[in-house]
PDB file of N, CA and C in Angstrom:
ATOM      1  N   UNK A   1      -9.872 -27.023 -17.261  1.00  0.00           N
ATOM      2  CA  UNK A   1      -8.546 -27.042 -16.703  1.00  0.00           C
ATOM      3  C   UNK A   1      -8.536 -27.987 -15.510  1.00  0.00           C
ATOM      4  N   UNK A   2      -7.513 -28.823 -15.461  1.00  0.00           N
ATOM      5  CA  UNK A   2      -7.402 -29.733 -14.330  1.00  0.00           C
ATOM      6  C   UNK A   2      -7.211 -28.966 -13.037  1.00  0.00           C
ATOM      7  N   UNK A   3      -7.744 -29.540 -11.965  1.00  0.00           N
ATOM      8  CA  UNK A   3      -7.698 -28.881 -10.663  1.00  0.00           C
ATOM      9  C   UNK A   3      -6.263 -28.582 -10.231  1.00  0.00           C
ATOM     10  N   UNK A   4      -5.354 -29.543 -10.428  1.00  0.00           N
ATOM     11  CA  UNK A   4      -3.968 -29.339  -9.996  1.00  0.00           C
ATOM     12  C   UNK A   4      -3.297 -28.202 -10.771  1.00  0.00           C
ATOM     13  N   UNK A   5      -3.620 -28.069 -12.042  1.00  0.00           N
ATOM     14  CA  UNK A   5      -3.065 -26.975 -12.849  1.00  0.00           C
ATOM     15  C   UNK A   5      -3.614 -25.640 -12.366  1.00  0.00           C
ATOM     16  N   UNK A   6      -4.910 -25.620 -12.102  1.00  0.00           N
ATOM     17  CA  UNK A   6      -5.556 -24.401 -11.635  1.00  0.00           C
ATOM     18  C   UNK A   6      -4.952 -23.964 -10.295  1.00  0.00           C
ATOM     19  N   UNK A   7      -4.736 -24.935  -9.416  1.00  0.00           N
ATOM     20  CA  UNK A   7      -4.134 -24.625  -8.114  1.00  0.00           C
ATOM     21  C   UNK A   7      -2.705 -24.107  -8.275  1.00  0.00           C
ATOM     22  N   UNK A   8      -1.941 -24.700  -9.184  1.00  0.00           N
ATOM     23  CA  UNK A   8      -0.567 -24.263  -9.409  1.00  0.00           C
ATOM     24  C   UNK A   8      -0.538 -22.843  -9.969  1.00  0.00           C
ATOM     25  N   UNK A   9      -1.422 -22.562 -10.911  1.00  0.00           N
ATOM     26  CA  UNK A   9      -1.495 -21.217 -11.486  1.00  0.00           C
ATOM     27  C   UNK A   9      -1.936 -20.221 -10.417  1.00  0.00           C
ATOM     28  N   UNK A  10      -2.932 -20.610  -9.646  1.00  0.00           N
ATOM     29  CA  UNK A  10      -3.438 -19.755  -8.571  1.00  0.00           C
ATOM     30  C   UNK A  10      -2.327 -19.426  -7.576  1.00  0.00           C
ATOM     31  N   UNK A  11      -1.588 -20.430  -7.147  1.00  0.00           N
ATOM     32  CA  UNK A  11      -0.489 -20.225  -6.197  1.00  0.00           C
ATOM     33  C   UNK A  11       0.576 -19.293  -6.774  1.00  0.00           C
ATOM     34  N   UNK A  12       0.898 -19.481  -8.049  1.00  0.00           N
ATOM     35  CA  UNK A  12       1.912 -18.654  -8.708  1.00  0.00           C
ATOM     36  C   UNK A  12       1.458 -17.208  -8.804  1.00  0.00           C
ATOM     37  N   UNK A  13       0.218 -17.009  -9.266  1.00  0.00           N
ATOM     38  CA  UNK A  13      -0.304 -15.646  -9.405  1.00  0.00           C
ATOM     39  C   UNK A  13      -0.426 -14.979  -8.038  1.00  0.00           C
ATOM     40  N   UNK A  14      -0.920 -15.718  -7.043  1.00  0.00           N
ATOM     41  CA  UNK A  14      -1.035 -15.161  -5.691  1.00  0.00           C
ATOM     42  C   UNK A  14       0.331 -14.746  -5.176  1.00  0.00           C
ATOM     43  N   UNK A  15       1.332 -15.570  -5.406  1.00  0.00           N
ATOM     44  CA  UNK A  15       2.690 -15.241  -4.993  1.00  0.00           C
ATOM     45  C   UNK A  15       3.207 -13.987  -5.678  1.00  0.00           C
ATOM     46  N   UNK A  16       2.914 -13.854  -6.965  1.00  0.00           N
ATOM     47  CA  UNK A  16       3.333 -12.663  -7.710  1.00  0.00           C
ATOM     48  C   UNK A  16       2.693 -11.406  -7.125  1.00  0.00           C
ATOM     49  N   UNK A  17       1.404 -11.484  -6.837  1.00  0.00           N
ATOM     50  CA  UNK A  17       0.694 -10.333  -6.273  1.00  0.00           C
ATOM     51  C   UNK A  17       1.253  -9.989  -4.897  1.00  0.00           C
ATOM     52  N   UNK A  18       1.477 -11.008  -4.078  1.00  0.00           N
ATOM     53  CA  UNK A  18       2.008 -10.781  -2.729  1.00  0.00           C
ATOM     54  C   UNK A  18       3.390 -10.136  -2.757  1.00  0.00           C
ATOM     55  N   UNK A  19       4.158 -10.430  -3.802  1.00  0.00           N
ATOM     56  CA  UNK A  19       5.504  -9.864  -3.929  1.00  0.00           C
ATOM     57  C   UNK A  19       5.506  -8.512  -4.640  1.00  0.00           C
ATOM     58  N   UNK A  20       4.326  -8.073  -5.089  1.00  0.00           N
ATOM     59  CA  UNK A  20       4.230  -6.761  -5.719  1.00  0.00           C
ATOM     60  C   UNK A  20       4.397  -6.760  -7.229  1.00  0.00           C
ATOM     61  N   UNK A  21       4.419  -7.927  -7.837  1.00  0.00           N
ATOM     62  CA  UNK A  21       4.506  -7.985  -9.291  1.00  0.00           C
ATOM     63  C   UNK A  21       3.160  -7.607  -9.902  1.00  0.00           C
ATOM     64  N   UNK A  22       3.204  -6.911 -11.016  1.00  0.00           N
ATOM     65  CA  UNK A  22       1.981  -6.576 -11.725  1.00  0.00           C
ATOM     66  C   UNK A  22       1.496  -7.763 -12.536  1.00  0.00           C
ATOM     67  N   UNK A  23       0.204  -7.863 -12.688  1.00  0.00           N
ATOM     68  CA  UNK A  23      -0.375  -8.903 -13.534  1.00  0.00           C
ATOM     69  C   UNK A  23      -1.404  -8.260 -14.437  1.00  0.00           C
ATOM     70  N   UNK A  24      -1.722  -8.937 -15.516  1.00  0.00           N
ATOM     71  CA  UNK A  24      -2.725  -8.394 -16.437  1.00  0.00           C
ATOM     72  C   UNK A  24      -4.037  -9.167 -16.345  1.00  0.00           C
ATOM     73  N   UNK A  25      -4.242  -9.869 -15.246  1.00  0.00           N
ATOM     74  CA  UNK A  25      -5.478 -10.608 -15.048  1.00  0.00           C
ATOM     75  C   UNK A  25      -6.609  -9.660 -14.691  1.00  0.00           C
ATOM     76  N   UNK A  26      -7.791  -9.978 -15.165  1.00  0.00           N
ATOM     77  CA  UNK A  26      -8.961  -9.196 -14.767  1.00  0.00           C
ATOM     78  C   UNK A  26      -9.420  -9.672 -13.396  1.00  0.00           C
ATOM     79  N   UNK A  27     -10.283  -8.886 -12.773  1.00  0.00           N
ATOM     80  CA  UNK A  27     -10.812  -9.274 -11.470  1.00  0.00           C
ATOM     81  C   UNK A  27     -11.566 -10.597 -11.576  1.00  0.00           C
ATOM     82  N   UNK A  28     -12.303 -10.768 -12.652  1.00  0.00           N
ATOM     83  CA  UNK A  28     -13.061 -12.008 -12.867  1.00  0.00           C
ATOM     84  C   UNK A  28     -12.114 -13.205 -12.974  1.00  0.00           C
ATOM     85  N   UNK A  29     -11.033 -13.045 -13.720  1.00  0.00           N
ATOM     86  CA  UNK A  29     -10.065 -14.134 -13.871  1.00  0.00           C
ATOM     87  C   UNK A  29      -9.412 -14.482 -12.531  1.00  0.00           C
ATOM     88  N   UNK A  30      -9.083 -13.464 -11.766  1.00  0.00           N
ATOM     89  CA  UNK A  30      -8.481 -13.720 -10.454  1.00  0.00           C
ATOM     90  C   UNK A  30      -9.453 -14.466  -9.557  1.00  0.00           C
ATOM     91  N   UNK A  31     -10.730 -14.081  -9.582  1.00  0.00           N
ATOM     92  CA  UNK A  31     -11.739 -14.776  -8.777  1.00  0.00           C
ATOM     93  C   UNK A  31     -11.863 -16.229  -9.200  1.00  0.00           C
ATOM     94  N   UNK A  32     -11.851 -16.480 -10.506  1.00  0.00           N
ATOM     95  CA  UNK A  32     -11.958 -17.853 -11.010  1.00  0.00           C
ATOM     96  C   UNK A  32     -10.790 -18.708 -10.552  1.00  0.00           C
ATOM     97  N   UNK A  33      -9.621 -18.092 -10.419  1.00  0.00           N
ATOM     98  CA  UNK A  33      -8.438 -18.819  -9.958  1.00  0.00           C
ATOM     99  C   UNK A  33      -8.390 -18.921  -8.430  1.00  0.00           C
ATOM    100  N   UNK A  34      -9.257 -18.182  -7.769  1.00  0.00           N
ATOM    101  CA  UNK A  34      -9.252 -18.192  -6.312  1.00  0.00           C
ATOM    102  C   UNK A  34      -8.168 -17.317  -5.714  1.00  0.00           C
ATOM    103  N   UNK A  35      -7.684 -16.362  -6.499  1.00  0.00           N
ATOM    104  CA  UNK A  35      -6.629 -15.463  -6.044  1.00  0.00           C
ATOM    105  C   UNK A  35      -7.270 -14.276  -5.340  1.00  0.00           C
ATOM    106  N   UNK A  36      -6.705 -13.895  -4.200  1.00  0.00           N
ATOM    107  CA  UNK A  36      -7.216 -12.768  -3.438  1.00  0.00           C
ATOM    108  C   UNK A  36      -6.146 -11.699  -3.330  1.00  0.00           C
ATOM    109  N   UNK A  37      -6.569 -10.467  -3.524  1.00  0.00           N
ATOM    110  CA  UNK A  37      -5.654  -9.349  -3.329  1.00  0.00           C
ATOM    111  C   UNK A  37      -5.669  -9.045  -1.837  1.00  0.00           C
ATOM    112  N   UNK A  38      -4.505  -9.118  -1.198  1.00  0.00           N
ATOM    113  CA  UNK A  38      -4.475  -8.956   0.260  1.00  0.00           C
ATOM    114  C   UNK A  38      -4.938  -7.574   0.701  1.00  0.00           C
ATOM    115  N   UNK A  39      -5.665  -7.552   1.793  1.00  0.00           N
ATOM    116  CA  UNK A  39      -6.121  -6.298   2.403  1.00  0.00           C
ATOM    117  C   UNK A  39      -4.917  -5.580   2.993  1.00  0.00           C
ATOM    118  N   UNK A  40      -4.865  -4.272   2.803  1.00  0.00           N
ATOM    119  CA  UNK A  40      -3.778  -3.478   3.375  1.00  0.00           C
ATOM    120  C   UNK A  40      -4.189  -3.069   4.774  1.00  0.00           C
ATOM    121  N   UNK A  41      -3.367  -3.447   5.728  1.00  0.00           N
ATOM    122  CA  UNK A  41      -3.601  -3.069   7.115  1.00  0.00           C
ATOM    123  C   UNK A  41      -2.473  -2.144   7.539  1.00  0.00           C
ATOM    124  N   UNK A  42      -2.849  -0.960   7.942  1.00  0.00           N
ATOM    125  CA  UNK A  42      -1.843   0.011   8.344  1.00  0.00           C
ATOM    126  C   UNK A  42      -2.326   0.714   9.611  1.00  0.00           C
ATOM    127  N   UNK A  43      -1.496   0.683  10.631  1.00  0.00           N
ATOM    128  CA  UNK A  43      -1.885   1.243  11.928  1.00  0.00           C
ATOM    129  C   UNK A  43      -1.375   2.675  12.074  1.00  0.00           C
ATOM    130  N   UNK A  44      -1.855   3.326  13.108  1.00  0.00           N
ATOM    131  CA  UNK A  44      -1.390   4.680  13.427  1.00  0.00           C
ATOM    132  C   UNK A  44       0.114   4.671  13.664  1.00  0.00           C
ATOM    133  N   UNK A  45       0.582   3.649  14.368  1.00  0.00           N
ATOM    134  CA  UNK A  45       2.024   3.525  14.642  1.00  0.00           C
ATOM    135  C   UNK A  45       2.805   3.308  13.346  1.00  0.00           C
ATOM    136  N   UNK A  46       2.261   2.527  12.420  1.00  0.00           N
ATOM    137  CA  UNK A  46       2.910   2.316  11.119  1.00  0.00           C
ATOM    138  C   UNK A  46       3.089   3.644  10.391  1.00  0.00           C
ATOM    139  N   UNK A  47       2.046   4.456  10.391  1.00  0.00           N
ATOM    140  CA  UNK A  47       2.094   5.735   9.677  1.00  0.00           C
ATOM    141  C   UNK A  47       3.152   6.645  10.285  1.00  0.00           C
ATOM    142  N   UNK A  48       3.206   6.677  11.593  1.00  0.00           N
ATOM    143  CA  UNK A  48       4.208   7.502  12.275  1.00  0.00           C
ATOM    144  C   UNK A  48       5.621   7.000  11.931  1.00  0.00           C
ATOM    145  N   UNK A  49       5.814   5.676  11.913  1.00  0.00           N
ATOM    146  CA  UNK A  49       7.122   5.102  11.571  1.00  0.00           C
ATOM    147  C   UNK A  49       7.504   5.428  10.132  1.00  0.00           C
ATOM    148  N   UNK A  50       6.530   5.347   9.222  1.00  0.00           N
ATOM    149  CA  UNK A  50       6.780   5.659   7.808  1.00  0.00           C
ATOM    150  C   UNK A  50       7.252   7.103   7.686  1.00  0.00           C
ATOM    151  N   UNK A  51       6.540   8.018   8.340  1.00  0.00           N
ATOM    152  CA  UNK A  51       6.890   9.442   8.275  1.00  0.00           C
ATOM    153  C   UNK A  51       8.266   9.694   8.879  1.00  0.00           C
ATOM    154  N   UNK A  52       8.534   9.091  10.023  1.00  0.00           N
ATOM    155  CA  UNK A  52       9.827   9.309  10.680  1.00  0.00           C
ATOM    156  C   UNK A  52      10.975   8.688   9.878  1.00  0.00           C
ATOM    157  N   UNK A  53      10.711   7.537   9.269  1.00  0.00           N
ATOM    158  CA  UNK A  53      11.737   6.889   8.442  1.00  0.00           C
ATOM    159  C   UNK A  53      12.069   7.767   7.230  1.00  0.00           C
ATOM    160  N   UNK A  54      11.062   8.464   6.722  1.00  0.00           N
ATOM    161  CA  UNK A  54      11.277   9.379   5.604  1.00  0.00           C
ATOM    162  C   UNK A  54      11.893  10.700   6.078  1.00  0.00           C
ATOM    163  N   UNK A  55      12.014  10.857   7.409  1.00  0.00           N
ATOM    164  CA  UNK A  55      12.591  12.045   8.037  1.00  0.00           C
ATOM    165  C   UNK A  55      11.846  13.323   7.640  1.00  0.00           C
ATOM    166  N   UNK A  56      10.511  13.254   7.774  1.00  0.00           N
ATOM    167  CA  UNK A  56       9.667  14.395   7.421  1.00  0.00           C
ATOM    168  C   UNK A  56       8.804  14.800   8.602  1.00  0.00           C
ATOM    169  N   UNK A  57       8.574  16.090   8.718  1.00  0.00           N
ATOM    170  CA  UNK A  57       7.631  16.583   9.716  1.00  0.00           C
ATOM    171  C   UNK A  57       6.222  16.230   9.237  1.00  0.00           C
ATOM    172  N   UNK A  58       5.253  16.336  10.130  1.00  0.00           N
ATOM    173  CA  UNK A  58       3.878  16.052   9.732  1.00  0.00           C
ATOM    174  C   UNK A  58       3.432  16.983   8.606  1.00  0.00           C
ATOM    175  N   UNK A  59       3.786  18.251   8.679  1.00  0.00           N
ATOM    176  CA  UNK A  59       3.337  19.194   7.654  1.00  0.00           C
ATOM    177  C   UNK A  59       3.958  18.900   6.286  1.00  0.00           C
ATOM    178  N   UNK A  60       5.245  18.575   6.262  1.00  0.00           N
ATOM    179  CA  UNK A  60       5.893  18.245   4.983  1.00  0.00           C
ATOM    180  C   UNK A  60       5.349  16.919   4.452  1.00  0.00           C
ATOM    181  N   UNK A  61       5.173  15.946   5.330  1.00  0.00           N
ATOM    182  CA  UNK A  61       4.606  14.646   4.940  1.00  0.00           C
ATOM    183  C   UNK A  61       3.230  14.860   4.302  1.00  0.00           C
ATOM    184  N   UNK A  62       2.418  15.710   4.897  1.00  0.00           N
ATOM    185  CA  UNK A  62       1.084  16.005   4.362  1.00  0.00           C
ATOM    186  C   UNK A  62       1.185  16.604   2.959  1.00  0.00           C
ATOM    187  N   UNK A  63       2.105  17.544   2.773  1.00  0.00           N
ATOM    188  CA  UNK A  63       2.268  18.172   1.456  1.00  0.00           C
ATOM    189  C   UNK A  63       2.733  17.158   0.414  1.00  0.00           C
ATOM    190  N   UNK A  64       3.670  16.301   0.802  1.00  0.00           N
ATOM    191  CA  UNK A  64       4.187  15.288  -0.126  1.00  0.00           C
ATOM    192  C   UNK A  64       3.072  14.324  -0.555  1.00  0.00           C
ATOM    193  N   UNK A  65       2.212  13.962   0.394  1.00  0.00           N
ATOM    194  CA  UNK A  65       1.097  13.051   0.094  1.00  0.00           C
ATOM    195  C   UNK A  65      -0.102  13.773  -0.518  1.00  0.00           C
ATOM    196  N   UNK A  66      -0.056  15.103  -0.511  1.00  0.00           N
ATOM    197  CA  UNK A  66      -1.161  15.920  -1.012  1.00  0.00           C
ATOM    198  C   UNK A  66      -2.442  15.699  -0.209  1.00  0.00           C
ATOM    199  N   UNK A  67      -2.271  15.672   1.110  1.00  0.00           N
ATOM    200  CA  UNK A  67      -3.400  15.565   2.038  1.00  0.00           C
ATOM    201  C   UNK A  67      -3.257  16.684   3.065  1.00  0.00           C
ATOM    202  N   UNK A  68      -4.264  16.879   3.868  1.00  0.00           N
ATOM    203  CA  UNK A  68      -4.203  17.932   4.878  1.00  0.00           C
ATOM    204  C   UNK A  68      -3.343  17.495   6.070  1.00  0.00           C
ATOM    205  N   UNK A  69      -2.787  18.503   6.729  1.00  0.00           N
ATOM    206  CA  UNK A  69      -2.027  18.255   7.955  1.00  0.00           C
ATOM    207  C   UNK A  69      -2.930  17.590   8.982  1.00  0.00           C
ATOM    208  N   UNK A  70      -4.169  18.004   9.029  1.00  0.00           N
ATOM    209  CA  UNK A  70      -5.141  17.424   9.954  1.00  0.00           C
ATOM    210  C   UNK A  70      -5.303  15.921   9.722  1.00  0.00           C
ATOM    211  N   UNK A  71      -5.323  15.518   8.464  1.00  0.00           N
ATOM    212  CA  UNK A  71      -5.447  14.080   8.155  1.00  0.00           C
ATOM    213  C   UNK A  71      -4.275  13.296   8.720  1.00  0.00           C
ATOM    214  N   UNK A  72      -3.055  13.794   8.487  1.00  0.00           N
ATOM    215  CA  UNK A  72      -1.859  13.108   8.991  1.00  0.00           C
ATOM    216  C   UNK A  72      -1.910  13.009  10.509  1.00  0.00           C
ATOM    217  N   UNK A  73      -2.263  14.099  11.158  1.00  0.00           N
ATOM    218  CA  UNK A  73      -2.350  14.083  12.630  1.00  0.00           C
ATOM    219  C   UNK A  73      -3.370  13.050  13.106  1.00  0.00           C
ATOM    220  N   UNK A  74      -4.533  13.048  12.483  1.00  0.00           N
ATOM    221  CA  UNK A  74      -5.588  12.117  12.894  1.00  0.00           C
ATOM    222  C   UNK A  74      -5.200  10.665  12.608  1.00  0.00           C
ATOM    223  N   UNK A  75      -4.500  10.416  11.507  1.00  0.00           N
ATOM    224  CA  UNK A  75      -4.035   9.050  11.233  1.00  0.00           C
ATOM    225  C   UNK A  75      -3.067   8.601  12.315  1.00  0.00           C
ATOM    226  N   UNK A  76      -2.124   9.474  12.661  1.00  0.00           N
ATOM    227  CA  UNK A  76      -1.113   9.109  13.651  1.00  0.00           C
ATOM    228  C   UNK A  76      -1.697   8.970  15.050  1.00  0.00           C
ATOM    229  N   UNK A  77      -2.793   9.633  15.313  1.00  0.00           N
ATOM    230  CA  UNK A  77      -3.465   9.512  16.613  1.00  0.00           C
ATOM    231  C   UNK A  77      -4.448   8.348  16.622  1.00  0.00           C
ATOM    232  N   UNK A  78      -4.727   7.786  15.460  1.00  0.00           N
ATOM    233  CA  UNK A  78      -5.646   6.666  15.373  1.00  0.00           C
ATOM    234  C   UNK A  78      -7.117   7.047  15.353  1.00  0.00           C
ATOM    235  N   UNK A  79      -7.405   8.342  15.232  1.00  0.00           N
ATOM    236  CA  UNK A  79      -8.804   8.760  15.210  1.00  0.00           C
ATOM    237  C   UNK A  79      -9.425   8.668  13.816  1.00  0.00           C
ATOM    238  N   UNK A  80      -8.591   8.571  12.796  1.00  0.00           N
ATOM    239  CA  UNK A  80      -9.038   8.332  11.421  1.00  0.00           C
ATOM    240  C   UNK A  80      -8.072   7.359  10.776  1.00  0.00           C
ATOM    241  N   UNK A  81      -8.534   6.718   9.714  1.00  0.00           N
ATOM    242  CA  UNK A  81      -7.653   5.819   8.969  1.00  0.00           C
ATOM    243  C   UNK A  81      -7.629   6.245   7.505  1.00  0.00           C
ATOM    244  N   UNK A  82      -6.463   6.121   6.871  1.00  0.00           N
ATOM    245  CA  UNK A  82      -6.402   6.443   5.446  1.00  0.00           C
ATOM    246  C   UNK A  82      -7.212   5.432   4.640  1.00  0.00           C
ATOM    247  N   UNK A  83      -7.691   5.870   3.509  1.00  0.00           N
ATOM    248  CA  UNK A  83      -8.481   4.992   2.651  1.00  0.00           C
ATOM    249  C   UNK A  83      -7.968   5.064   1.213  1.00  0.00           C
ATOM    250  N   UNK A  84      -8.487   4.186   0.390  1.00  0.00           N
ATOM    251  CA  UNK A  84      -8.234   4.222  -1.045  1.00  0.00           C
ATOM    252  C   UNK A  84      -6.777   4.235  -1.432  1.00  0.00           C
ATOM    253  N   UNK A  85      -6.482   5.106  -2.392  1.00  0.00           N
ATOM    254  CA  UNK A  85      -5.122   5.152  -2.947  1.00  0.00           C
ATOM    255  C   UNK A  85      -4.098   5.636  -1.923  1.00  0.00           C
ATOM    256  N   UNK A  86      -4.532   6.445  -0.950  1.00  0.00           N
ATOM    257  CA  UNK A  86      -3.600   6.896   0.092  1.00  0.00           C
ATOM    258  C   UNK A  86      -3.115   5.714   0.917  1.00  0.00           C
ATOM    259  N   UNK A  87      -4.002   4.793   1.189  1.00  0.00           N
ATOM    260  CA  UNK A  87      -3.641   3.591   1.943  1.00  0.00           C
ATOM    261  C   UNK A  87      -2.609   2.764   1.166  1.00  0.00           C
ATOM    262  N   UNK A  88      -2.816   2.652  -0.136  1.00  0.00           N
ATOM    263  CA  UNK A  88      -1.872   1.914  -0.986  1.00  0.00           C
ATOM    264  C   UNK A  88      -0.527   2.635  -1.014  1.00  0.00           C
ATOM    265  N   UNK A  89      -0.567   3.956  -1.150  1.00  0.00           N
ATOM    266  CA  UNK A  89       0.670   4.735  -1.176  1.00  0.00           C
ATOM    267  C   UNK A  89       1.443   4.594   0.128  1.00  0.00           C
ATOM    268  N   UNK A  90       0.750   4.633   1.250  1.00  0.00           N
ATOM    269  CA  UNK A  90       1.419   4.447   2.544  1.00  0.00           C
ATOM    270  C   UNK A  90       2.027   3.049   2.650  1.00  0.00           C
ATOM    271  N   UNK A  91       1.346   2.051   2.108  1.00  0.00           N
ATOM    272  CA  UNK A  91       1.885   0.694   2.110  1.00  0.00           C
ATOM    273  C   UNK A  91       3.168   0.633   1.277  1.00  0.00           C
ATOM    274  N   UNK A  92       3.184   1.320   0.148  1.00  0.00           N
ATOM    275  CA  UNK A  92       4.393   1.379  -0.680  1.00  0.00           C
ATOM    276  C   UNK A  92       5.518   2.102   0.062  1.00  0.00           C
ATOM    277  N   UNK A  93       5.164   3.181   0.754  1.00  0.00           N
ATOM    278  CA  UNK A  93       6.174   3.925   1.507  1.00  0.00           C
ATOM    279  C   UNK A  93       6.740   3.112   2.662  1.00  0.00           C
ATOM    280  N   UNK A  94       5.947   2.198   3.188  1.00  0.00           N
ATOM    281  CA  UNK A  94       6.448   1.322   4.253  1.00  0.00           C
ATOM    282  C   UNK A  94       7.591   0.455   3.708  1.00  0.00           C
ATOM    283  N   UNK A  95       7.472   0.065   2.450  1.00  0.00           N
ATOM    284  CA  UNK A  95       8.503  -0.779   1.826  1.00  0.00           C
ATOM    285  C   UNK A  95       9.655   0.043   1.256  1.00  0.00           C
ATOM    286  N   UNK A  96       9.334   1.219   0.736  1.00  0.00           N
ATOM    287  CA  UNK A  96      10.324   2.102   0.104  1.00  0.00           C
ATOM    288  C   UNK A  96      10.162   3.517   0.665  1.00  0.00           C
ATOM    289  N   UNK A  97      10.738   3.803   1.835  1.00  0.00           N
ATOM    290  CA  UNK A  97      10.504   5.079   2.517  1.00  0.00           C
ATOM    291  C   UNK A  97      10.853   6.334   1.710  1.00  0.00           C
ATOM    292  N   UNK A  98      11.742   6.222   0.763  1.00  0.00           N
ATOM    293  CA  UNK A  98      12.173   7.406   0.013  1.00  0.00           C
ATOM    294  C   UNK A  98      11.564   7.461  -1.382  1.00  0.00           C
ATOM    295  N   UNK A  99      10.484   6.740  -1.564  1.00  0.00           N
ATOM    296  CA  UNK A  99       9.796   6.666  -2.847  1.00  0.00           C
ATOM    297  C   UNK A  99       9.358   8.040  -3.348  1.00  0.00           C
ATOM    298  N   UNK A 100       8.975   8.918  -2.455  1.00  0.00           N
ATOM    299  CA  UNK A 100       8.470  10.230  -2.848  1.00  0.00           C
ATOM    300  C   UNK A 100       9.479  11.359  -2.655  1.00  0.00           C
ATOM    301  N   UNK A 101      10.737  11.025  -2.493  1.00  0.00           N
ATOM    302  CA  UNK A 101      11.763  12.062  -2.320  1.00  0.00           C
ATOM    303  C   UNK A 101      11.774  13.043  -3.478  1.00  0.00           C
ATOM    304  N   UNK A 102      11.432  12.582  -4.665  1.00  0.00           N
ATOM    305  CA  UNK A 102      11.446  13.453  -5.839  1.00  0.00           C
ATOM    306  C   UNK A 102      10.445  14.611  -5.695  1.00  0.00           C
ATOM    307  N   UNK A 103       9.463  14.457  -4.799  1.00  0.00           N
ATOM    308  CA  UNK A 103       8.460  15.498  -4.598  1.00  0.00           C
ATOM    309  C   UNK A 103       9.016  16.699  -3.829  1.00  0.00           C
ATOM    310  N   UNK A 104      10.191  16.516  -3.234  1.00  0.00           N
ATOM    311  CA  UNK A 104      10.804  17.592  -2.467  1.00  0.00           C
ATOM    312  C   UNK A 104      12.000  18.103  -3.276  1.00  0.00           C
ATOM    313  N   UNK A 105      11.916  19.334  -3.723  1.00  0.00           N
ATOM    314  CA  UNK A 105      13.015  19.877  -4.529  1.00  0.00           C
ATOM    315  C   UNK A 105      13.666  21.029  -3.789  1.00  0.00           C
ATOM    316  N   UNK A 106      14.927  21.211  -4.103  1.00  0.00           N
ATOM    317  CA  UNK A 106      15.703  22.285  -3.447  1.00  0.00           C
ATOM    318  C   UNK A 106      15.573  23.584  -4.202  1.00  0.00           C
TER     319      UNK A 106
END
């Protein structure tokens, strides 16, 4: 593949990933194209803003996320950081605060 084509494909795929579009590329294919999945950075203040934007108490937020109240408190105080899928979920909630509203039923 010509370098310019590879760069164009790489830029397009990277843009799709950055915008949240799904792709069916394997990790190996992404590496070959030079595409990087951006690291999720989420601060204690971000987590507090996400929870407040969703208008939830710490205890309800913990139940909705299926984590302990202690975890939420420690994240918001900055003494612990979320990891794995919880980090991804919090990143999604930053963009769509009411994404998990369906988890709360009347």
